[in-house]
């Protein structure tokens, strides 16, 4: 792996949903700093430890390793910051690209975002009609930030 180049958008309609099959995700953060995050994720029956560096534009270092499911579940319950991120991820193909649509639950219920990975920051991208505002550079939409500032509390004192 080594790095990821990714763009993120709000989803403005459910026209992507017919026929889409989702996988439940639970994830938590052991470390969430500006310069680095360390995430534990359970996706379906698989578990991963992911280390990400600070973004440079829309690219950042990323290293991901499979870990035992039981270890991940223990880390999520005992060591990760709360609340955990709960979502269903759908993978869809559009114009030769794989889009990941995350429909959040729990403290982030109501938030739906789409992400697409690119080979480089200047790569042209055709957008599906269900994609809305780009939020790539808005830190509120980073999963690591949704732990401290869940979507359900936005706009509330």
N, C-alpha and C. Protein backbone atom coordinates (compact mmCIF):
# COMPACT_ATOMS: atom_id res chain seq x y z
N UNK A 1 0.85 -1.17 0.00
CA UNK A 1 0.00 0.00 0.00
C UNK A 1 0.90 1.23 0.00
N UNK A 2 1.19 1.87 1.13
CA UNK A 2 2.09 3.00 1.17
C UNK A 2 1.43 4.35 1.18
N UNK A 3 0.51 4.60 0.26
CA UNK A 3 -0.19 5.89 0.26
C UNK A 3 -1.56 5.73 -0.39
N UNK A 4 -2.42 6.69 -0.10
CA UNK A 4 -3.74 6.72 -0.74
C UNK A 4 -4.01 8.13 -1.21
N UNK A 5 -4.65 8.21 -2.36
CA UNK A 5 -5.12 9.48 -2.90
C UNK A 5 -6.62 9.33 -3.06
N UNK A 6 -7.36 10.16 -2.34
CA UNK A 6 -8.79 9.93 -2.22
C UNK A 6 -9.55 11.25 -2.25
N UNK A 7 -10.73 11.21 -2.87
CA UNK A 7 -11.65 12.35 -2.83
C UNK A 7 -12.95 11.88 -2.17
N UNK A 8 -13.59 12.80 -1.45
CA UNK A 8 -14.78 12.47 -0.67
C UNK A 8 -15.89 13.47 -0.99
N UNK A 9 -17.12 12.94 -1.11
CA UNK A 9 -18.28 13.74 -1.49
C UNK A 9 -19.47 13.37 -0.62
N UNK A 10 -20.37 14.33 -0.41
CA UNK A 10 -21.65 14.02 0.19
C UNK A 10 -22.51 13.32 -0.87
N UNK A 11 -23.41 12.47 -0.42
CA UNK A 11 -24.32 11.77 -1.31
C UNK A 11 -25.66 12.50 -1.25
N UNK A 12 -26.18 12.89 -2.43
CA UNK A 12 -27.38 13.74 -2.44
C UNK A 12 -28.68 13.01 -2.78
N UNK A 13 -28.58 11.75 -3.19
CA UNK A 13 -29.80 10.99 -3.47
C UNK A 13 -29.53 9.51 -3.21
N UNK A 14 -30.59 8.73 -3.26
CA UNK A 14 -30.44 7.28 -3.05
C UNK A 14 -30.48 6.52 -4.37
N UNK A 15 -30.25 7.18 -5.48
CA UNK A 15 -30.31 6.50 -6.77
C UNK A 15 -29.19 5.47 -6.93
N UNK A 16 -28.18 5.52 -6.09
CA UNK A 16 -27.09 4.53 -6.11
C UNK A 16 -27.51 3.22 -5.45
N UNK A 17 -28.56 3.25 -4.64
CA UNK A 17 -28.86 2.16 -3.72
C UNK A 17 -29.46 0.89 -4.32
N UNK A 18 -30.30 0.96 -5.35
CA UNK A 18 -30.90 -0.28 -5.84
C UNK A 18 -29.84 -1.31 -6.24
N UNK A 19 -29.96 -2.49 -5.66
CA UNK A 19 -29.03 -3.58 -5.96
C UNK A 19 -27.72 -3.53 -5.20
N UNK A 20 -27.45 -2.47 -4.47
CA UNK A 20 -26.19 -2.36 -3.73
C UNK A 20 -26.23 -3.27 -2.50
N UNK A 21 -25.13 -3.95 -2.26
CA UNK A 21 -25.00 -4.84 -1.11
C UNK A 21 -23.92 -4.25 -0.20
N UNK A 22 -24.28 -4.05 1.06
CA UNK A 22 -23.36 -3.42 1.99
C UNK A 22 -22.73 -4.40 2.96
N UNK A 23 -21.61 -3.95 3.54
CA UNK A 23 -20.88 -4.71 4.56
C UNK A 23 -20.85 -3.85 5.82
N UNK A 24 -21.25 -4.41 6.97
CA UNK A 24 -21.20 -3.63 8.20
C UNK A 24 -19.75 -3.41 8.66
N UNK A 25 -19.47 -2.19 9.09
CA UNK A 25 -18.15 -1.81 9.60
C UNK A 25 -18.30 -1.28 11.01
N UNK A 26 -17.34 -1.62 11.85
CA UNK A 26 -17.17 -0.99 13.17
C UNK A 26 -15.71 -0.61 13.24
N UNK A 27 -15.44 0.60 13.61
CA UNK A 27 -14.04 1.01 13.71
C UNK A 27 -13.85 1.99 14.84
N UNK A 28 -12.63 1.98 15.37
CA UNK A 28 -12.27 2.88 16.45
C UNK A 28 -10.84 3.32 16.29
N UNK A 29 -10.48 4.31 17.08
CA UNK A 29 -9.16 4.92 16.96
C UNK A 29 -8.39 4.76 18.27
N UNK A 30 -7.17 4.26 18.13
CA UNK A 30 -6.24 4.17 19.26
C UNK A 30 -5.48 5.49 19.39
N UNK A 31 -5.30 6.16 18.26
CA UNK A 31 -4.59 7.44 18.21
C UNK A 31 -5.23 8.27 17.11
N UNK A 32 -5.56 9.51 17.41
CA UNK A 32 -6.12 10.41 16.39
C UNK A 32 -5.53 11.79 16.59
N UNK A 33 -4.39 11.98 15.96
CA UNK A 33 -3.70 13.26 16.00
C UNK A 33 -3.62 13.80 14.58
N UNK A 34 -3.28 15.07 14.46
CA UNK A 34 -3.17 15.67 13.12
C UNK A 34 -2.12 14.96 12.27
N UNK A 35 -1.03 14.55 12.87
CA UNK A 35 0.07 13.96 12.12
C UNK A 35 -0.10 12.46 11.85
N UNK A 36 -0.99 11.81 12.63
CA UNK A 36 -1.13 10.35 12.46
C UNK A 36 -2.42 9.87 13.12
N UNK A 37 -2.97 8.80 12.56
CA UNK A 37 -4.07 8.09 13.20
C UNK A 37 -3.75 6.61 13.17
N UNK A 38 -4.22 5.91 14.19
CA UNK A 38 -4.11 4.45 14.24
C UNK A 38 -5.52 3.94 14.48
N UNK A 39 -6.00 3.16 13.51
CA UNK A 39 -7.40 2.72 13.50
C UNK A 39 -7.47 1.20 13.58
N UNK A 40 -8.49 0.72 14.29
CA UNK A 40 -8.85 -0.70 14.32
C UNK A 40 -10.19 -0.79 13.62
N UNK A 41 -10.30 -1.74 12.68
CA UNK A 41 -11.55 -1.86 11.92
C UNK A 41 -11.95 -3.33 11.80
N UNK A 42 -13.25 -3.55 11.98
CA UNK A 42 -13.85 -4.85 11.66
C UNK A 42 -14.82 -4.59 10.51
N UNK A 43 -14.56 -5.29 9.40
CA UNK A 43 -15.39 -5.16 8.20
C UNK A 43 -15.92 -6.55 7.87
N UNK A 44 -17.21 -6.76 8.13
CA UNK A 44 -17.74 -8.10 7.96
C UNK A 44 -17.03 -9.00 8.97
N UNK A 45 -16.41 -10.05 8.50
CA UNK A 45 -15.68 -10.97 9.37
C UNK A 45 -14.18 -10.77 9.35
N UNK A 46 -13.70 -9.68 8.78
CA UNK A 46 -12.26 -9.41 8.69
C UNK A 46 -11.90 -8.24 9.60
N UNK A 47 -10.64 -8.24 10.07
CA UNK A 47 -10.20 -7.17 10.96
C UNK A 47 -8.86 -6.63 10.50
N UNK A 48 -8.64 -5.32 10.73
CA UNK A 48 -7.44 -4.64 10.25
C UNK A 48 -6.97 -3.59 11.25
N UNK A 49 -5.66 -3.38 11.25
CA UNK A 49 -5.04 -2.26 11.93
C UNK A 49 -4.49 -1.37 10.84
N UNK A 50 -4.85 -0.08 10.89
CA UNK A 50 -4.45 0.86 9.84
C UNK A 50 -3.77 2.06 10.46
N UNK A 51 -2.63 2.43 9.88
CA UNK A 51 -1.89 3.62 10.31
C UNK A 51 -1.90 4.60 9.15
N UNK A 52 -2.35 5.83 9.42
CA UNK A 52 -2.40 6.86 8.37
C UNK A 52 -1.62 8.08 8.82
N UNK A 53 -0.94 8.69 7.87
CA UNK A 53 -0.20 9.92 8.14
C UNK A 53 -1.05 11.14 7.82
N UNK A 54 -0.45 12.30 8.02
CA UNK A 54 -1.13 13.57 7.74
C UNK A 54 -1.28 13.76 6.24
N UNK A 55 -2.42 14.29 5.83
CA UNK A 55 -2.68 14.51 4.40
C UNK A 55 -1.76 15.59 3.85
N UNK A 56 -1.29 15.34 2.65
CA UNK A 56 -0.58 16.33 1.85
C UNK A 56 -1.45 16.55 0.62
N UNK A 57 -2.31 17.56 0.68
CA UNK A 57 -3.32 17.71 -0.36
C UNK A 57 -4.36 16.62 -0.16
N UNK A 58 -4.56 15.77 -1.19
CA UNK A 58 -5.52 14.66 -1.07
C UNK A 58 -4.81 13.31 -0.96
N UNK A 59 -3.51 13.35 -0.69
CA UNK A 59 -2.71 12.12 -0.57
C UNK A 59 -2.13 12.03 0.83
N UNK A 60 -2.09 10.81 1.37
CA UNK A 60 -1.44 10.59 2.65
C UNK A 60 -0.91 9.17 2.74
N UNK A 61 0.07 8.99 3.61
CA UNK A 61 0.61 7.66 3.84
C UNK A 61 -0.46 6.79 4.49
N UNK A 62 -0.49 5.52 4.08
CA UNK A 62 -1.44 4.58 4.68
C UNK A 62 -0.82 3.19 4.66
N UNK A 63 -0.87 2.53 5.81
CA UNK A 63 -0.39 1.15 5.95
C UNK A 63 -1.48 0.37 6.67
N UNK A 64 -1.88 -0.75 6.08
CA UNK A 64 -2.98 -1.54 6.66
C UNK A 64 -2.55 -2.99 6.76
N UNK A 65 -2.88 -3.60 7.92
CA UNK A 65 -2.47 -4.97 8.21
C UNK A 65 -3.65 -5.77 8.75
N UNK A 66 -3.85 -6.99 8.26
CA UNK A 66 -4.88 -7.84 8.85
C UNK A 66 -4.46 -8.25 10.26
N UNK A 67 -5.44 -8.30 11.16
CA UNK A 67 -5.20 -8.76 12.53
C UNK A 67 -6.30 -9.76 12.90
N UNK A 68 -6.08 -10.57 13.93
CA UNK A 68 -7.12 -11.52 14.34
C UNK A 68 -8.40 -10.78 14.76
N UNK A 69 -9.53 -11.32 14.35
CA UNK A 69 -10.83 -10.73 14.64
C UNK A 69 -11.04 -10.55 16.14
N UNK A 70 -10.69 -11.54 16.95
CA UNK A 70 -10.87 -11.44 18.39
C UNK A 70 -10.05 -10.29 18.97
N UNK A 71 -8.83 -10.10 18.46
CA UNK A 71 -7.99 -8.99 18.93
C UNK A 71 -8.66 -7.65 18.59
N UNK A 72 -9.16 -7.53 17.37
CA UNK A 72 -9.80 -6.29 16.94
C UNK A 72 -11.02 -5.99 17.81
N UNK A 73 -11.82 -6.99 18.08
CA UNK A 73 -13.02 -6.77 18.90
C UNK A 73 -12.65 -6.33 20.32
N UNK A 74 -11.60 -6.92 20.88
CA UNK A 74 -11.14 -6.52 22.21
C UNK A 74 -10.61 -5.09 22.19
N UNK A 75 -9.84 -4.73 21.17
CA UNK A 75 -9.31 -3.37 21.06
C UNK A 75 -10.45 -2.36 20.92
N UNK A 76 -11.45 -2.68 20.10
CA UNK A 76 -12.58 -1.78 19.93
C UNK A 76 -13.31 -1.53 21.25
N UNK A 77 -13.51 -2.57 22.01
CA UNK A 77 -14.27 -2.44 23.25
C UNK A 77 -13.45 -1.85 24.39
N UNK A 78 -12.16 -2.16 24.45
CA UNK A 78 -11.38 -1.82 25.64
C UNK A 78 -10.44 -0.62 25.48
N UNK A 79 -9.91 -0.38 24.29
CA UNK A 79 -8.87 0.64 24.15
C UNK A 79 -9.21 1.78 23.20
N UNK A 80 -10.13 1.59 22.29
CA UNK A 80 -10.42 2.64 21.30
C UNK A 80 -11.25 3.76 21.91
N UNK A 81 -11.03 4.96 21.39
CA UNK A 81 -11.81 6.13 21.79
C UNK A 81 -13.27 5.90 21.42
N UNK A 82 -14.17 6.45 22.21
CA UNK A 82 -15.60 6.30 21.97
C UNK A 82 -16.19 7.64 21.57
N UNK A 83 -17.27 7.67 20.80
CA UNK A 83 -18.01 6.50 20.31
C UNK A 83 -17.28 5.87 19.13
N UNK A 84 -17.54 4.59 18.94
CA UNK A 84 -17.01 3.90 17.77
C UNK A 84 -17.73 4.39 16.53
N UNK A 85 -17.08 4.25 15.40
CA UNK A 85 -17.71 4.57 14.12
C UNK A 85 -18.43 3.30 13.65
N UNK A 86 -19.72 3.45 13.37
CA UNK A 86 -20.53 2.35 12.85
C UNK A 86 -21.09 2.80 11.51
N UNK A 87 -20.95 1.94 10.51
CA UNK A 87 -21.44 2.30 9.19
C UNK A 87 -21.61 1.04 8.35
N UNK A 88 -22.32 1.20 7.26
CA UNK A 88 -22.40 0.15 6.25
C UNK A 88 -21.72 0.71 5.02
N UNK A 89 -20.80 -0.08 4.46
CA UNK A 89 -20.07 0.35 3.27
C UNK A 89 -20.56 -0.43 2.06
N UNK A 90 -20.84 0.33 1.02
CA UNK A 90 -21.28 -0.23 -0.27
C UNK A 90 -20.20 0.08 -1.29
N UNK A 91 -19.86 -0.88 -2.12
CA UNK A 91 -18.89 -0.66 -3.19
C UNK A 91 -19.63 -0.69 -4.52
N UNK A 92 -19.46 0.40 -5.29
CA UNK A 92 -20.17 0.55 -6.56
C UNK A 92 -19.19 0.94 -7.64
N UNK A 93 -19.44 0.47 -8.84
CA UNK A 93 -18.59 0.86 -9.96
C UNK A 93 -19.30 1.92 -10.79
N UNK A 94 -18.54 2.96 -11.16
CA UNK A 94 -19.05 4.00 -12.04
C UNK A 94 -17.90 4.52 -12.88
N UNK A 95 -18.08 4.53 -14.18
CA UNK A 95 -17.10 5.07 -15.14
C UNK A 95 -15.70 4.51 -14.89
N UNK A 96 -15.62 3.20 -14.64
CA UNK A 96 -14.33 2.55 -14.48
C UNK A 96 -13.67 2.73 -13.12
N UNK A 97 -14.36 3.33 -12.18
CA UNK A 97 -13.83 3.56 -10.84
C UNK A 97 -14.72 2.86 -9.81
N UNK A 98 -14.11 2.41 -8.72
CA UNK A 98 -14.86 1.84 -7.61
C UNK A 98 -15.11 2.94 -6.59
N UNK A 99 -16.38 3.19 -6.33
CA UNK A 99 -16.80 4.16 -5.34
C UNK A 99 -17.22 3.41 -4.08
N UNK A 100 -16.88 3.96 -2.93
CA UNK A 100 -17.31 3.40 -1.66
C UNK A 100 -18.28 4.40 -1.03
N UNK A 101 -19.50 3.93 -0.78
CA UNK A 101 -20.52 4.77 -0.16
C UNK A 101 -20.67 4.28 1.27
N UNK A 102 -20.48 5.19 2.22
CA UNK A 102 -20.61 4.88 3.64
C UNK A 102 -21.88 5.51 4.18
N UNK A 103 -22.75 4.66 4.69
CA UNK A 103 -24.00 5.08 5.32
C UNK A 103 -23.80 4.89 6.83
N UNK A 104 -23.68 5.98 7.55
CA UNK A 104 -23.31 5.93 8.96
C UNK A 104 -24.51 5.60 9.84
N UNK A 105 -24.22 5.02 11.00
CA UNK A 105 -25.22 4.68 12.01
C UNK A 105 -24.75 5.23 13.35
N UNK A 106 -25.46 4.88 14.40
CA UNK A 106 -25.05 5.30 15.74
C UNK A 106 -25.03 6.81 15.87
N UNK A 107 -23.95 7.34 16.46
CA UNK A 107 -23.80 8.78 16.71
C UNK A 107 -23.70 9.60 15.42
N UNK A 108 -23.45 8.93 14.30
CA UNK A 108 -23.30 9.63 13.01
C UNK A 108 -24.44 9.31 12.04
N UNK A 109 -25.55 8.80 12.59
CA UNK A 109 -26.74 8.49 11.79
C UNK A 109 -27.14 9.68 10.94
N UNK A 110 -27.47 9.42 9.68
CA UNK A 110 -27.90 10.48 8.77
C UNK A 110 -26.82 10.96 7.83
N UNK A 111 -25.58 10.64 8.13
CA UNK A 111 -24.46 11.04 7.27
C UNK A 111 -24.22 9.95 6.23
N UNK A 112 -24.15 10.35 4.96
CA UNK A 112 -23.84 9.42 3.87
C UNK A 112 -22.79 10.10 2.99
N UNK A 113 -21.63 9.47 2.85
CA UNK A 113 -20.55 10.03 2.04
C UNK A 113 -20.07 8.98 1.05
N UNK A 114 -19.49 9.47 -0.04
CA UNK A 114 -18.91 8.60 -1.07
C UNK A 114 -17.45 8.98 -1.23
N UNK A 115 -16.61 7.96 -1.33
CA UNK A 115 -15.19 8.16 -1.53
C UNK A 115 -14.74 7.40 -2.76
N UNK A 116 -13.73 7.95 -3.41
CA UNK A 116 -13.14 7.27 -4.56
C UNK A 116 -11.63 7.45 -4.48
N UNK A 117 -10.90 6.35 -4.68
CA UNK A 117 -9.44 6.41 -4.69
C UNK A 117 -8.95 6.63 -6.10
N UNK A 118 -7.92 7.44 -6.21
CA UNK A 118 -7.33 7.78 -7.50
C UNK A 118 -5.86 7.39 -7.52
N UNK A 119 -5.29 7.33 -8.72
CA UNK A 119 -3.87 7.03 -8.85
C UNK A 119 -3.02 8.25 -8.51
N UNK A 120 -3.57 9.43 -8.67
CA UNK A 120 -2.83 10.65 -8.38
C UNK A 120 -3.78 11.82 -8.18
N UNK A 121 -3.30 12.91 -7.57
CA UNK A 121 -4.17 14.04 -7.24
C UNK A 121 -4.74 14.79 -8.44
N UNK A 122 -4.10 14.69 -9.59
CA UNK A 122 -4.57 15.43 -10.77
C UNK A 122 -5.38 14.57 -11.73
N UNK A 123 -5.68 13.35 -11.35
CA UNK A 123 -6.41 12.45 -12.23
C UNK A 123 -7.84 12.95 -12.44
N UNK A 124 -8.28 13.04 -13.70
CA UNK A 124 -9.66 13.48 -13.95
C UNK A 124 -10.65 12.46 -13.40
N UNK A 125 -11.83 12.95 -13.03
CA UNK A 125 -12.82 12.09 -12.40
C UNK A 125 -14.20 12.46 -12.90
N UNK A 126 -14.92 11.46 -13.38
CA UNK A 126 -16.32 11.64 -13.77
C UNK A 126 -17.18 11.32 -12.55
N UNK A 127 -18.10 12.23 -12.21
CA UNK A 127 -18.92 12.07 -11.02
C UNK A 127 -20.28 11.47 -11.35
N UNK A 128 -20.73 10.51 -10.55
CA UNK A 128 -22.09 9.99 -10.71
C UNK A 128 -23.11 11.06 -10.35
N UNK A 129 -24.34 10.92 -10.84
CA UNK A 129 -25.36 11.94 -10.57
C UNK A 129 -25.82 11.98 -9.12
N UNK A 130 -25.54 10.93 -8.34
CA UNK A 130 -25.94 10.90 -6.93
C UNK A 130 -24.92 11.54 -6.01
N UNK A 131 -23.80 11.99 -6.57
CA UNK A 131 -22.75 12.64 -5.79
C UNK A 131 -23.03 14.14 -5.72
N UNK A 132 -22.89 14.70 -4.52
CA UNK A 132 -23.12 16.12 -4.32
C UNK A 132 -21.84 16.86 -4.01
N UNK A 133 -21.90 17.71 -3.00
CA UNK A 133 -20.80 18.59 -2.63
C UNK A 133 -19.53 17.81 -2.27
N UNK A 134 -18.40 18.29 -2.76
CA UNK A 134 -17.12 17.68 -2.39
C UNK A 134 -16.72 18.16 -1.00
N UNK A 135 -16.31 17.21 -0.15
CA UNK A 135 -15.90 17.53 1.22
C UNK A 135 -14.50 16.99 1.53
N UNK A 136 -13.73 16.74 0.48
CA UNK A 136 -12.38 16.20 0.64
C UNK A 136 -11.56 17.01 1.63
N UNK A 137 -11.64 18.33 1.56
CA UNK A 137 -10.79 19.19 2.38
C UNK A 137 -11.47 19.68 3.65
N UNK A 138 -12.65 19.15 3.96
CA UNK A 138 -13.36 19.54 5.18
C UNK A 138 -13.07 18.51 6.27
N UNK A 139 -12.28 18.86 7.27
CA UNK A 139 -11.87 17.88 8.28
C UNK A 139 -13.02 17.31 9.11
N UNK A 140 -14.17 17.96 9.12
CA UNK A 140 -15.31 17.42 9.88
C UNK A 140 -15.71 16.03 9.40
N UNK A 141 -15.46 15.75 8.12
CA UNK A 141 -15.91 14.49 7.53
C UNK A 141 -14.89 13.36 7.64
N UNK A 142 -13.74 13.61 8.25
CA UNK A 142 -12.79 12.53 8.49
C UNK A 142 -13.36 11.63 9.57
N UNK A 143 -13.32 10.33 9.34
CA UNK A 143 -13.86 9.38 10.32
C UNK A 143 -13.25 9.61 11.69
N UNK A 144 -11.95 9.89 11.75
CA UNK A 144 -11.27 10.11 13.03
C UNK A 144 -11.88 11.31 13.76
N UNK A 145 -12.33 12.33 13.04
CA UNK A 145 -12.94 13.50 13.68
C UNK A 145 -14.39 13.26 14.06
N UNK A 146 -15.05 12.31 13.40
CA UNK A 146 -16.44 11.99 13.74
C UNK A 146 -16.55 11.31 15.10
N UNK A 147 -15.43 10.84 15.64
CA UNK A 147 -15.42 10.27 16.99
C UNK A 147 -15.64 11.39 18.00
N UNK A 148 -14.85 12.45 17.90
CA UNK A 148 -14.93 13.56 18.86
C UNK A 148 -16.12 14.48 18.58
N UNK A 149 -16.45 14.64 17.31
CA UNK A 149 -17.55 15.53 16.91
C UNK A 149 -18.52 14.76 16.00
N UNK A 150 -19.34 13.88 16.58
CA UNK A 150 -20.28 13.09 15.77
C UNK A 150 -21.27 13.96 15.03
N UNK A 151 -21.67 13.49 13.86
CA UNK A 151 -22.60 14.19 12.98
C UNK A 151 -23.90 14.57 13.69
N UNK A 152 -24.37 13.70 14.60
CA UNK A 152 -25.64 13.95 15.30
C UNK A 152 -25.56 15.19 16.19
N UNK A 153 -24.37 15.66 16.51
CA UNK A 153 -24.22 16.83 17.40
C UNK A 153 -23.86 18.10 16.65
N UNK A 154 -23.71 18.03 15.33
CA UNK A 154 -23.36 19.23 14.58
C UNK A 154 -24.48 20.25 14.72
N UNK A 155 -24.12 21.48 14.89
CA UNK A 155 -25.10 22.54 15.01
C UNK A 155 -25.76 22.64 16.36
N UNK A 156 -25.33 21.78 17.29
CA UNK A 156 -25.87 21.84 18.66
C UNK A 156 -24.79 22.40 19.57
N UNK A 157 -25.18 23.25 20.54
CA UNK A 157 -24.17 23.84 21.44
C UNK A 157 -23.53 22.82 22.35
